[in-house]
Protein backbone atom coordinates (compact mmCIF):
# COMPACT_ATOMS: atom_id res chain seq x y z
CA MET A 1 23.87 -3.35 -14.91
CA GLN A 2 20.60 -4.07 -16.95
CA THR A 3 18.80 -1.06 -16.97
CA SER A 4 15.84 -2.42 -18.18
CA ILE A 5 13.56 -5.63 -17.79
CA ASP A 6 14.58 -7.63 -20.68
CA LYS A 7 13.49 -10.84 -22.12
CA ASN A 8 15.97 -13.24 -19.91
CA ALA A 9 14.87 -11.08 -16.74
CA LEU A 10 11.18 -11.40 -17.05
CA GLY A 11 10.25 -13.41 -20.18
CA ALA A 12 12.46 -16.70 -19.35
CA ALA A 13 14.85 -17.88 -16.68
CA PRO A 14 18.80 -17.99 -17.85
CA SER A 15 19.59 -21.24 -19.06
CA LEU A 16 21.70 -23.01 -16.55
CA SER A 17 23.53 -26.15 -16.44
CA PRO A 18 22.64 -28.97 -14.20
CA ALA A 19 26.04 -28.40 -12.21
CA SER A 20 25.46 -24.67 -11.99
CA SER A 21 21.74 -24.56 -10.91
CA SER A 22 20.89 -23.97 -7.47
CA ILE A 23 17.55 -23.24 -5.30
CA THR A 24 18.66 -20.35 -3.63
CA ALA A 25 20.73 -18.42 -6.28
CA VAL A 26 21.13 -17.75 -9.69
CA PRO A 27 24.90 -17.46 -11.26
CA ARG A 28 24.60 -13.56 -11.91
CA THR A 29 22.54 -10.68 -9.85
CA VAL A 30 19.42 -10.27 -12.07
CA PHE A 31 19.39 -6.42 -11.31
CA SER A 32 16.61 -5.87 -13.63
CA VAL A 33 14.18 -8.16 -11.65
CA LEU A 34 15.62 -6.76 -8.08
CA GLY A 35 14.39 -3.06 -9.83
CA ALA A 36 11.03 -4.02 -10.81
CA ILE A 37 10.37 -5.86 -7.53
CA SER A 38 11.85 -2.51 -5.82
CA PHE A 39 9.48 -0.24 -7.65
CA ALA A 40 6.43 -2.65 -7.09
CA HIS A 41 7.40 -2.43 -3.29
CA LEU A 42 7.75 1.27 -3.71
CA LEU A 43 3.92 1.49 -5.36
CA ASN A 44 2.98 -0.56 -2.80
CA ASP A 45 4.47 1.19 0.55
CA MET A 46 3.55 4.38 -1.02
CA ILE A 47 0.01 3.52 -1.17
CA GLN A 48 0.07 2.49 2.62
CA SER A 49 1.70 5.27 3.73
CA LEU A 50 -0.54 7.55 2.16
CA ILE A 51 -3.00 6.04 4.84
CA LEU A 52 -0.90 7.09 7.58
CA ALA A 53 -0.25 10.45 6.46
CA ILE A 54 -3.93 11.44 5.97
CA TYR A 55 -4.98 10.19 9.47
CA PRO A 56 -5.21 13.82 10.78
CA MET A 57 -7.79 14.53 7.96
CA PHE A 58 -9.63 11.15 8.89
CA LYS A 59 -9.51 12.48 12.54
CA SER A 60 -11.19 15.58 11.68
CA GLU A 61 -13.68 14.71 9.04
CA PHE A 62 -14.98 11.28 11.45
CA SER A 63 -14.37 13.14 14.67
CA LEU A 64 -12.09 10.42 15.85
CA SER A 65 -9.97 9.68 18.76
CA PHE A 66 -6.55 8.57 18.97
CA GLY A 67 -7.41 5.14 19.95
CA GLN A 68 -9.61 4.79 16.88
CA ILE A 69 -6.66 6.07 14.87
CA GLY A 70 -4.75 3.25 16.16
CA LEU A 71 -7.78 1.06 15.56
CA ILE A 72 -7.33 1.63 11.70
CA THR A 73 -3.73 0.99 11.70
CA LEU A 74 -4.21 -2.06 14.26
CA THR A 75 -6.79 -3.42 11.81
CA TYR A 76 -4.41 -3.41 8.54
CA GLN A 77 -1.67 -4.53 10.27
CA ILE A 78 -3.22 -7.58 12.21
CA THR A 79 -4.57 -8.40 8.95
CA ALA A 80 -1.31 -8.50 7.28
CA SER A 81 0.72 -9.82 10.07
CA LEU A 82 -1.53 -13.26 10.60
CA LEU A 83 -1.74 -13.88 7.08
CA GLN A 84 2.02 -13.26 5.95
CA PRO A 85 3.52 -16.32 7.64
CA LEU A 86 0.53 -19.01 6.38
CA VAL A 87 0.93 -17.40 2.42
CA GLY A 88 4.81 -17.81 3.01
CA LEU A 89 4.53 -21.53 4.35
CA TYR A 90 2.31 -22.24 1.56
CA THR A 91 4.11 -20.80 -1.52
CA ASP A 92 7.26 -22.39 0.15
CA LYS A 93 5.94 -25.73 -1.03
CA HIS A 94 3.49 -24.43 -3.68
CA PRO A 95 4.95 -21.77 -5.59
CA LYS A 96 2.22 -19.16 -6.80
CA PRO A 97 4.13 -16.68 -9.23
CA TYR A 98 0.98 -15.07 -10.17
CA SER A 99 0.13 -14.32 -6.59
CA LEU A 100 1.80 -10.90 -6.36
CA PRO A 101 -0.91 -9.23 -9.22
CA ILE A 102 -3.58 -10.72 -7.34
CA GLY A 103 -2.64 -9.42 -3.90
CA MET A 104 -2.17 -5.88 -5.54
CA GLY A 105 -5.67 -6.10 -6.37
CA PHE A 106 -6.77 -6.59 -2.63
CA THR A 107 -4.90 -3.38 -2.14
CA LEU A 108 -6.44 -1.41 -5.21
CA CYS A 109 -10.14 -2.32 -3.62
CA GLY A 110 -8.75 -1.56 -0.32
CA LEU A 111 -7.59 2.16 -1.72
CA LEU A 112 -11.04 2.90 -3.80
CA LEU A 113 -13.21 1.64 -0.88
CA MET A 114 -11.25 4.18 1.46
CA SER A 115 -11.88 6.85 -1.27
CA MET A 116 -15.49 6.53 -0.34
CA ALA A 117 -16.14 5.45 3.00
CA GLY A 118 -18.58 7.45 4.94
CA SER A 119 -18.04 5.80 8.24
CA PHE A 120 -15.23 4.77 10.86
CA PRO A 121 -16.06 1.09 10.42
CA VAL A 122 -16.10 1.31 6.26
CA LEU A 123 -12.63 2.93 6.92
CA LEU A 124 -11.79 -0.37 8.73
CA ILE A 125 -13.22 -2.80 6.14
CA ALA A 126 -10.94 -0.76 3.53
CA ALA A 127 -7.92 -1.11 5.88
CA ALA A 128 -8.25 -4.76 6.02
CA LEU A 129 -8.33 -4.99 2.57
CA VAL A 130 -4.90 -3.16 2.09
CA GLY A 131 -3.65 -5.45 4.58
CA CYS A 132 -4.97 -8.87 2.89
CA GLY A 133 -2.74 -7.18 -0.32
CA SER A 134 0.42 -6.52 1.83
CA SER A 135 0.19 -10.21 3.30
CA ILE A 136 0.49 -11.85 -0.11
CA PHE A 137 2.88 -9.19 -1.42
CA HIS A 138 5.72 -9.28 1.03
CA PRO A 139 6.56 -13.00 1.54
CA GLU A 140 6.21 -13.80 -2.23
CA SER A 141 8.30 -10.55 -3.19
CA SER A 142 10.97 -11.20 -0.49
CA ARG A 143 11.09 -14.61 -2.45
CA VAL A 144 11.60 -13.00 -5.93
CA ALA A 145 14.43 -10.90 -4.68
CA ARG A 146 16.43 -13.64 -3.33
CA MET A 147 16.21 -15.51 -6.44
CA ALA A 148 17.55 -13.06 -8.39
CA SER A 149 19.95 -11.98 -5.81
CA GLY A 150 23.03 -14.42 -7.42
CA GLY A 151 23.90 -15.10 -3.98
CA ARG A 152 24.17 -11.32 -2.75
CA HIS A 153 21.09 -11.80 -0.30
CA GLY A 154 21.95 -8.67 1.64
CA LEU A 155 22.22 -6.40 -1.10
CA ALA A 156 18.71 -8.04 -2.75
CA GLN A 157 17.20 -7.30 0.54
CA SER A 158 17.95 -3.90 0.75
CA VAL A 159 17.15 -2.65 -2.98
CA PHE A 160 13.79 -4.79 -2.44
CA GLN A 161 13.04 -2.73 1.03
CA VAL A 162 14.59 0.47 -0.09
CA GLY A 163 11.72 0.85 -2.73
CA GLY A 164 9.40 0.16 0.17
CA ASN A 165 10.91 2.76 2.10
CA ALA A 166 11.24 5.11 -0.65
CA GLY A 167 7.62 4.81 -1.19
CA SER A 168 6.78 5.32 2.41
CA SER A 169 8.74 8.58 2.47
CA LEU A 170 6.72 9.81 -0.60
CA GLY A 171 3.15 9.09 0.98
CA PRO A 172 3.03 11.64 3.53
CA LEU A 173 4.31 14.46 0.62
CA LEU A 174 2.10 13.30 -1.72
CA ALA A 175 -0.72 13.35 0.93
CA ALA A 176 0.31 16.97 1.62
CA LEU A 177 0.12 18.08 -2.00
CA VAL A 178 -2.68 16.11 -3.46
CA ILE A 179 -5.10 14.68 -0.77
CA MET A 180 -5.21 17.44 1.80
CA PRO A 181 -5.94 20.35 -0.51
CA HIS A 182 -8.59 17.88 -2.59
CA GLY A 183 -10.24 15.77 0.07
CA GLN A 184 -11.01 12.09 0.66
CA ARG A 185 -12.07 11.48 -2.64
CA SER A 186 -8.77 12.30 -4.09
CA ILE A 187 -7.62 9.05 -2.52
CA ALA A 188 -8.86 7.51 -5.50
CA TRP A 189 -6.18 9.09 -7.91
CA PHE A 190 -3.98 6.86 -6.79
CA SER A 191 -5.67 3.89 -7.77
CA ALA A 192 -3.19 4.50 -10.95
CA ALA A 193 -0.50 3.36 -8.52
CA ALA A 194 -1.59 0.26 -7.85
CA LEU A 195 -2.75 -0.77 -11.67
CA LEU A 196 0.75 0.26 -12.57
CA ALA A 197 2.35 -2.09 -9.80
CA ILE A 198 -0.02 -5.02 -10.93
CA VAL A 199 1.17 -4.42 -14.62
CA VAL A 200 4.79 -4.82 -13.28
CA LEU A 201 4.10 -7.62 -10.80
CA PHE A 202 2.63 -9.61 -13.72
CA GLY A 203 5.74 -9.32 -15.56
CA ILE A 204 7.91 -10.49 -12.55
CA GLY A 205 5.46 -13.70 -12.25
CA ARG A 206 6.58 -14.64 -16.06
CA TRP A 207 9.75 -14.63 -14.76
CA TYR A 208 9.16 -16.10 -11.45
CA GLN A 209 7.19 -19.10 -12.80
CA SER A 210 10.18 -20.03 -15.53
CA HIS A 211 12.82 -19.76 -13.03
CA PRO A 212 14.91 -23.00 -11.76
CA ALA A 213 14.15 -22.55 -8.05
CA VAL A 214 10.34 -23.48 -9.04
CA ARG A 215 10.72 -26.53 -10.82
CA LYS A 216 13.38 -27.68 -8.36
CA SER A 217 11.57 -26.49 -5.08
CA ARG A 218 10.91 -30.32 -4.25
CA HIS A 219 14.18 -31.83 -5.08
CA SER A 220 16.69 -30.14 -2.75
CA ALA A 221 16.86 -29.16 0.61
CA VAL A 222 19.27 -26.85 2.70
CA VAL A 223 19.63 -27.61 6.49
CA SER A 224 20.86 -25.00 9.56
CA ALA A 225 24.20 -26.14 10.96
CA LEU A 226 23.16 -25.05 14.45
CA PRO A 227 21.21 -27.19 16.84
CA ARG A 228 17.49 -26.58 17.26
CA LYS A 229 17.48 -25.02 20.59
CA LYS A 230 20.23 -22.46 19.21
CA VAL A 231 17.72 -21.94 16.30
CA MET A 232 14.89 -21.29 18.61
CA ILE A 233 16.64 -18.95 21.07
CA ALA A 234 18.14 -16.57 17.90
CA MET A 235 14.51 -16.35 16.54
CA THR A 236 12.94 -15.49 19.78
CA VAL A 237 15.72 -12.56 20.13
CA LEU A 238 15.49 -11.62 16.42
CA MET A 239 11.81 -11.09 17.18
CA LEU A 240 12.20 -9.24 20.21
CA LEU A 241 14.86 -6.95 18.44
CA THR A 242 12.04 -6.64 15.63
CA PHE A 243 9.65 -5.73 18.44
CA SER A 244 11.57 -3.10 19.98
CA LYS A 245 12.42 -1.42 16.23
CA TYR A 246 8.81 -1.46 14.68
CA PHE A 247 7.16 -0.61 18.13
CA TYR A 248 9.38 2.58 18.18
CA LEU A 249 8.55 3.34 14.47
CA ALA A 250 4.69 3.05 15.35
CA SER A 251 5.17 6.11 17.43
CA ILE A 252 6.86 8.04 14.45
CA SER A 253 4.95 6.44 11.42
CA SER A 254 1.27 7.32 13.29
CA TYR A 255 1.84 10.11 15.50
CA PHE A 256 4.83 12.25 14.87
CA THR A 257 2.96 14.48 12.86
CA PHE A 258 0.67 15.14 15.79
CA TYR A 259 3.61 15.26 18.04
CA LEU A 260 4.89 18.39 15.99
CA ILE A 261 1.42 20.19 15.71
CA SER A 262 1.11 19.70 19.81
CA LYS A 263 4.69 20.38 20.88
CA PHE A 264 5.62 23.00 18.10
CA HIS A 265 2.54 24.06 16.84
CA LEU A 266 3.29 23.74 13.42
CA ALA A 267 0.65 23.35 10.36
CA VAL A 268 -0.17 19.67 9.47
CA GLU A 269 1.35 20.05 6.19
CA THR A 270 4.66 21.26 7.63
CA ALA A 271 4.56 18.53 10.08
CA GLN A 272 4.12 15.83 7.00
CA VAL A 273 7.26 17.34 5.82
CA HIS A 274 9.33 16.51 8.51
CA LEU A 275 7.82 13.01 8.71
CA PHE A 276 9.02 12.70 5.10
CA TRP A 277 12.18 13.25 5.73
CA PHE A 278 12.25 10.71 8.36
CA LEU A 279 11.08 8.59 6.13
CA ALA A 280 13.36 9.28 3.59
CA ALA A 281 16.12 8.72 5.89
CA VAL A 282 14.34 5.28 6.63
CA ALA A 283 14.95 4.70 3.15
CA VAL A 284 18.75 5.64 2.90
CA GLY A 285 19.80 3.60 6.15
CA THR A 286 17.67 0.78 4.51
CA ILE A 287 19.64 0.48 1.37
CA VAL A 288 23.40 0.87 3.47
CA GLY A 289 22.48 -2.29 5.86
CA GLY A 290 21.86 -5.11 3.70
CA PRO A 291 25.35 -4.59 1.58
CA VAL A 292 27.51 -3.56 4.66
CA GLY A 293 25.83 -6.73 6.35
CA ASP A 294 27.21 -8.99 3.24
CA LYS A 295 30.67 -7.59 3.87
CA ILE A 296 31.05 -7.43 7.78
CA GLY A 297 28.46 -9.58 9.19
CA ARG A 298 24.79 -9.33 10.38
CA LYS A 299 25.01 -9.34 13.99
CA VAL A 300 27.23 -6.31 13.90
CA VAL A 301 25.02 -4.49 11.63
CA ILE A 302 21.91 -5.66 14.55
CA TRP A 303 24.29 -4.26 17.15
CA VAL A 304 24.84 -0.79 15.83
CA SER A 305 21.19 -0.15 13.97
CA ILE A 306 18.94 -1.30 17.37
CA LEU A 307 21.53 -0.69 20.21
CA GLY A 308 23.56 2.28 18.60
CA VAL A 309 20.22 4.27 17.97
CA ALA A 310 19.43 4.39 21.78
CA PRO A 311 21.45 7.58 22.69
CA PHE A 312 19.37 9.40 20.10
CA THR A 313 15.91 8.47 20.77
CA LEU A 314 16.51 9.12 24.54
CA MET A 315 17.40 12.73 23.66
CA LEU A 316 14.56 13.44 21.11
CA PRO A 317 11.70 14.11 23.54
CA PHE A 318 13.78 17.20 25.05
CA ALA A 319 15.10 18.71 21.88
CA ASN A 320 13.60 21.88 20.26
CA LEU A 321 12.23 21.95 17.00
CA PHE A 322 15.57 22.19 15.00
CA TRP A 323 16.99 19.20 16.81
CA THR A 324 13.98 17.43 16.57
CA GLY A 325 14.23 17.20 12.70
CA VAL A 326 18.25 16.60 12.87
CA LEU A 327 17.34 13.62 15.43
CA SER A 328 14.65 12.14 13.60
CA VAL A 329 16.76 11.68 10.58
CA VAL A 330 19.42 10.16 12.22
CA ILE A 331 17.31 7.93 14.32
CA GLY A 332 15.88 7.05 10.88
CA LEU A 333 19.38 6.32 9.23
CA ILE A 334 20.54 4.26 12.16
CA LEU A 335 17.33 1.91 13.12
CA ALA A 336 16.45 1.49 9.28
CA SER A 337 19.39 -0.88 8.17
CA ALA A 338 18.59 -3.63 11.28
CA PHE A 339 15.78 -5.20 9.25
CA SER A 340 17.64 -6.39 6.22
CA ALA A 341 20.09 -7.75 8.29
CA ILE A 342 17.68 -9.53 10.75
CA LEU A 343 15.84 -11.15 7.78
CA VAL A 344 18.83 -12.33 6.07
CA TYR A 345 20.25 -13.84 9.12
CA ALA A 346 16.69 -15.40 10.05
CA THR A 347 17.05 -16.78 6.52
CA GLU A 348 20.25 -18.45 7.36
CA LEU A 349 19.00 -19.54 10.48
CA VAL A 350 16.33 -21.57 8.66
CA PRO A 351 17.41 -22.06 5.47
CA GLY A 352 15.16 -23.28 2.64
CA LYS A 353 12.04 -21.59 4.08
CA VAL A 354 12.18 -18.07 2.40
CA GLY A 355 8.42 -17.26 2.04
CA MET A 356 7.88 -18.77 5.52
CA VAL A 357 10.48 -16.77 7.23
CA ALA A 358 10.01 -13.58 5.10
CA GLY A 359 6.23 -13.72 6.20
CA LEU A 360 6.92 -14.25 9.89
CA PHE A 361 8.89 -11.62 10.36
CA PHE A 362 7.29 -9.06 7.90
CA GLY A 363 4.00 -10.17 9.38
CA PHE A 364 5.57 -9.88 13.14
CA ALA A 365 6.92 -6.00 11.86
CA PHE A 366 3.18 -5.13 10.82
CA GLY A 367 1.62 -6.96 14.16
CA MET A 368 4.15 -4.86 16.08
CA GLY A 369 3.39 -1.55 14.16
CA GLY A 370 -0.27 -2.17 14.52
CA ILE A 371 -0.33 -3.20 18.06
CA GLY A 372 2.28 -0.40 18.47
CA ALA A 373 -0.11 2.21 17.14
CA ALA A 374 -3.10 0.85 19.12
CA VAL A 375 -1.42 0.94 22.26
CA LEU A 376 0.30 4.07 22.07
CA GLY A 377 -2.99 5.82 20.75
CA HIS A 378 -4.69 5.07 23.67
CA LEU A 379 -1.37 5.87 26.27
CA ALA A 380 -2.05 9.58 24.34
CA ASP A 381 -5.28 9.56 24.77
CA ALA A 382 -5.14 8.78 28.70
CA THR A 383 -1.96 11.27 29.01
CA SER A 384 0.14 13.32 26.49
CA ILE A 385 1.73 12.65 23.03
CA ASP A 386 4.75 14.20 24.52
CA TYR A 387 4.76 11.34 27.30
CA VAL A 388 4.63 8.98 25.01
CA TYR A 389 7.70 9.86 23.33
CA LYS A 390 9.56 9.72 26.56
CA VAL A 391 8.34 6.09 27.11
CA CYS A 392 9.34 4.71 23.52
CA SER A 393 12.72 6.19 23.76
CA PHE A 394 13.65 3.35 25.99
CA LEU A 395 12.83 0.56 23.49
CA PRO A 396 15.93 0.45 21.63
CA LEU A 397 17.89 -0.89 24.76
CA ILE A 398 16.67 -3.83 24.09
CA GLY A 399 19.02 -4.22 21.65
CA VAL A 400 21.61 -5.61 24.06
CA LEU A 401 19.80 -8.84 23.64
CA THR A 402 22.07 -9.03 20.30
CA ILE A 403 24.89 -10.59 22.26
CA LEU A 404 22.73 -13.86 22.52
CA LEU A 405 23.23 -14.72 18.75
CA PRO A 406 25.29 -16.98 17.26
CA ASN A 407 27.20 -17.07 14.22
CA THR A 408 25.26 -18.52 11.31
CA ARG A 409 26.52 -20.87 8.41
CA GLU A 410 24.60 -22.24 5.46
CA LYS A 411 25.03 -26.12 4.73
CA PRO A 412 23.44 -27.19 1.43
CA VAL A 413 22.07 -30.64 1.35
CA SER A 414 20.96 -32.31 -2.75
CA ALA A 415 18.41 -34.59 -2.66
CA HIS A 416 18.67 -37.41 -5.13
CA THR A 417 16.58 -36.92 -7.88
């Protein structure tokens, strides 16, 4: 395994003979590139989770309702979700290796604006800028992970996603240690993370530009072995499973701190530590899901990770503080293993469209997270935060739809050059 980003990884693509070159894989897994894109994902999602973790500060300083808190998340998530499939569809046909650092530039601008925001509308604009950055980052970085996978697509997707989940788990901890004691202006300190990500992504762009898949993208194709009707049904089922996962995750990421404060009278900093442990469990679950899916199949992982988490979500609203902490970690571990399997399964359903599929599912996931945050925020205002968790506990039961998913196989087709 490579431990540094060397010349072959980011300076030039490995040399391949015509017989061995492929649009979808390199001869070996390029771990230095996977590590770099995972690290960039860590920095990107750390910035995003900082925003979620400082909601209590915004709520206090701007006198926001739960509904307005949900609108901040909705603005970010919808901006990202609407643009991601379009970005992916365009870059499938016209690869843009240096779009990654440009996207991170949008995130940097949003972060700086949020640190200086003096009103709720400005907060929404800042959230929209961060959303634009994510809309570019996720489909293109997912493509890079697949290009560097060497055919181990589940492993590559998990390595990529675990960086994001690790960053998400760091956000609340850094918010508690840095931003809460020093106030809104200290958000700008994390612009250093965005600048570091831009440097890393520029190096990845150099490797991406010289990769054989970029040069051959117009000369090869891969078609699905399944009929179009089965593909459409399967994609619909995957969307519903993604809905159940991310609508439930929205209840945790946006409102878990408020739930703990309301039900168990915890301090904000203590509640944020509980959120950190949940997000850390999500990171661990993510790294497990992909490699396991490579070995035993995506459908098995999807079954266990979506439907298998239901007993624990149903118990959570009735647990004491100790068991709430334990159950939240178990839920994070199991539920997080789903998305790598869902995404790789979807790329097998629609092969040759990595950017579009990644953009569609990341975008849909973000959209469901945003809509979920807004809907659950208004529901919490109308009822109680405890009631929200009782309602959401039934969402994983949608996992029974996994029975409708077919087995998948890819069939490569080479065009004449």
